[in-house]
């Protein structure tokens, strides 16, 4: 079962990626940073999901 923590990391990562994409269109200098942090949160969510599946 997917825990609330994994869902939270995943949705926050999606939010940051969307915010980064919007700021990329607006040509803000922090756009790449938002995209990178969003991808990092997505990676953490995937790794936590895999870790939970392997522990079972």
Protein backbone atom coordinates (compact mmCIF):
# COMPACT_ATOMS: atom_id res chain seq x y z
CA UNK A 1 0.00 0.00 0.00
CA UNK A 2 1.22 3.46 -0.84
CA UNK A 3 1.75 5.52 2.28
CA UNK A 4 0.75 9.13 2.77
CA UNK A 5 4.41 10.16 2.79
CA UNK A 6 5.02 8.76 -0.70
CA UNK A 7 1.87 10.43 -2.02
CA UNK A 8 2.93 13.73 -0.44
CA UNK A 9 6.40 13.61 -1.98
CA UNK A 10 4.93 12.72 -5.37
CA UNK A 11 2.29 15.48 -5.39
CA UNK A 12 4.73 18.11 -4.11
CA UNK A 13 7.16 17.08 -6.86
CA UNK A 14 4.43 17.41 -9.48
CA UNK A 15 3.52 20.84 -8.09
CA UNK A 16 7.14 22.00 -8.26
CA UNK A 17 7.54 20.69 -11.81
CA UNK A 18 4.40 22.54 -12.89
CA UNK A 19 5.57 25.70 -11.14
CA UNK A 20 8.98 25.33 -12.78
CA UNK A 21 7.40 24.91 -16.21
CA UNK A 22 5.29 28.02 -15.73
CA UNK A 23 8.26 30.04 -14.54
CA UNK A 24 10.31 28.70 -17.46
CA UNK A 25 7.73 30.17 -19.84
CA UNK A 26 7.91 33.46 -17.95
CA UNK A 27 11.73 33.32 -18.18
CA UNK A 28 12.40 33.56 -14.46
CA UNK A 29 15.97 32.75 -13.40
CA UNK A 30 14.85 30.26 -10.71
CA UNK A 31 12.89 28.08 -13.15
CA UNK A 32 15.62 25.45 -13.52
CA UNK A 33 15.98 25.24 -9.76
CA UNK A 34 12.25 24.59 -9.32
CA UNK A 35 12.34 21.91 -12.01
CA UNK A 36 15.36 20.24 -10.44
CA UNK A 37 13.85 20.22 -6.95
CA UNK A 38 10.60 18.85 -8.36
CA UNK A 39 12.46 16.03 -10.09
CA UNK A 40 14.34 15.34 -6.86
CA UNK A 41 11.06 14.95 -4.96
CA UNK A 42 9.76 12.63 -7.68
CA UNK A 43 12.93 10.54 -7.40
CA UNK A 44 12.58 10.34 -3.62
CA UNK A 45 8.96 9.21 -3.97
CA UNK A 46 9.93 6.49 -6.45
CA UNK A 47 12.82 5.29 -4.29
CA UNK A 48 10.60 5.14 -1.20
CA UNK A 49 7.98 3.20 -3.16
CA UNK A 50 10.58 0.71 -4.41
CA UNK A 51 12.07 0.38 -0.91
CA UNK A 52 8.64 -0.42 0.57
CA UNK A 53 7.99 -3.02 -2.14
CA UNK A 54 11.37 -4.70 -1.64
CA UNK A 55 10.95 -4.84 2.14
CA UNK A 56 7.77 -6.91 1.78
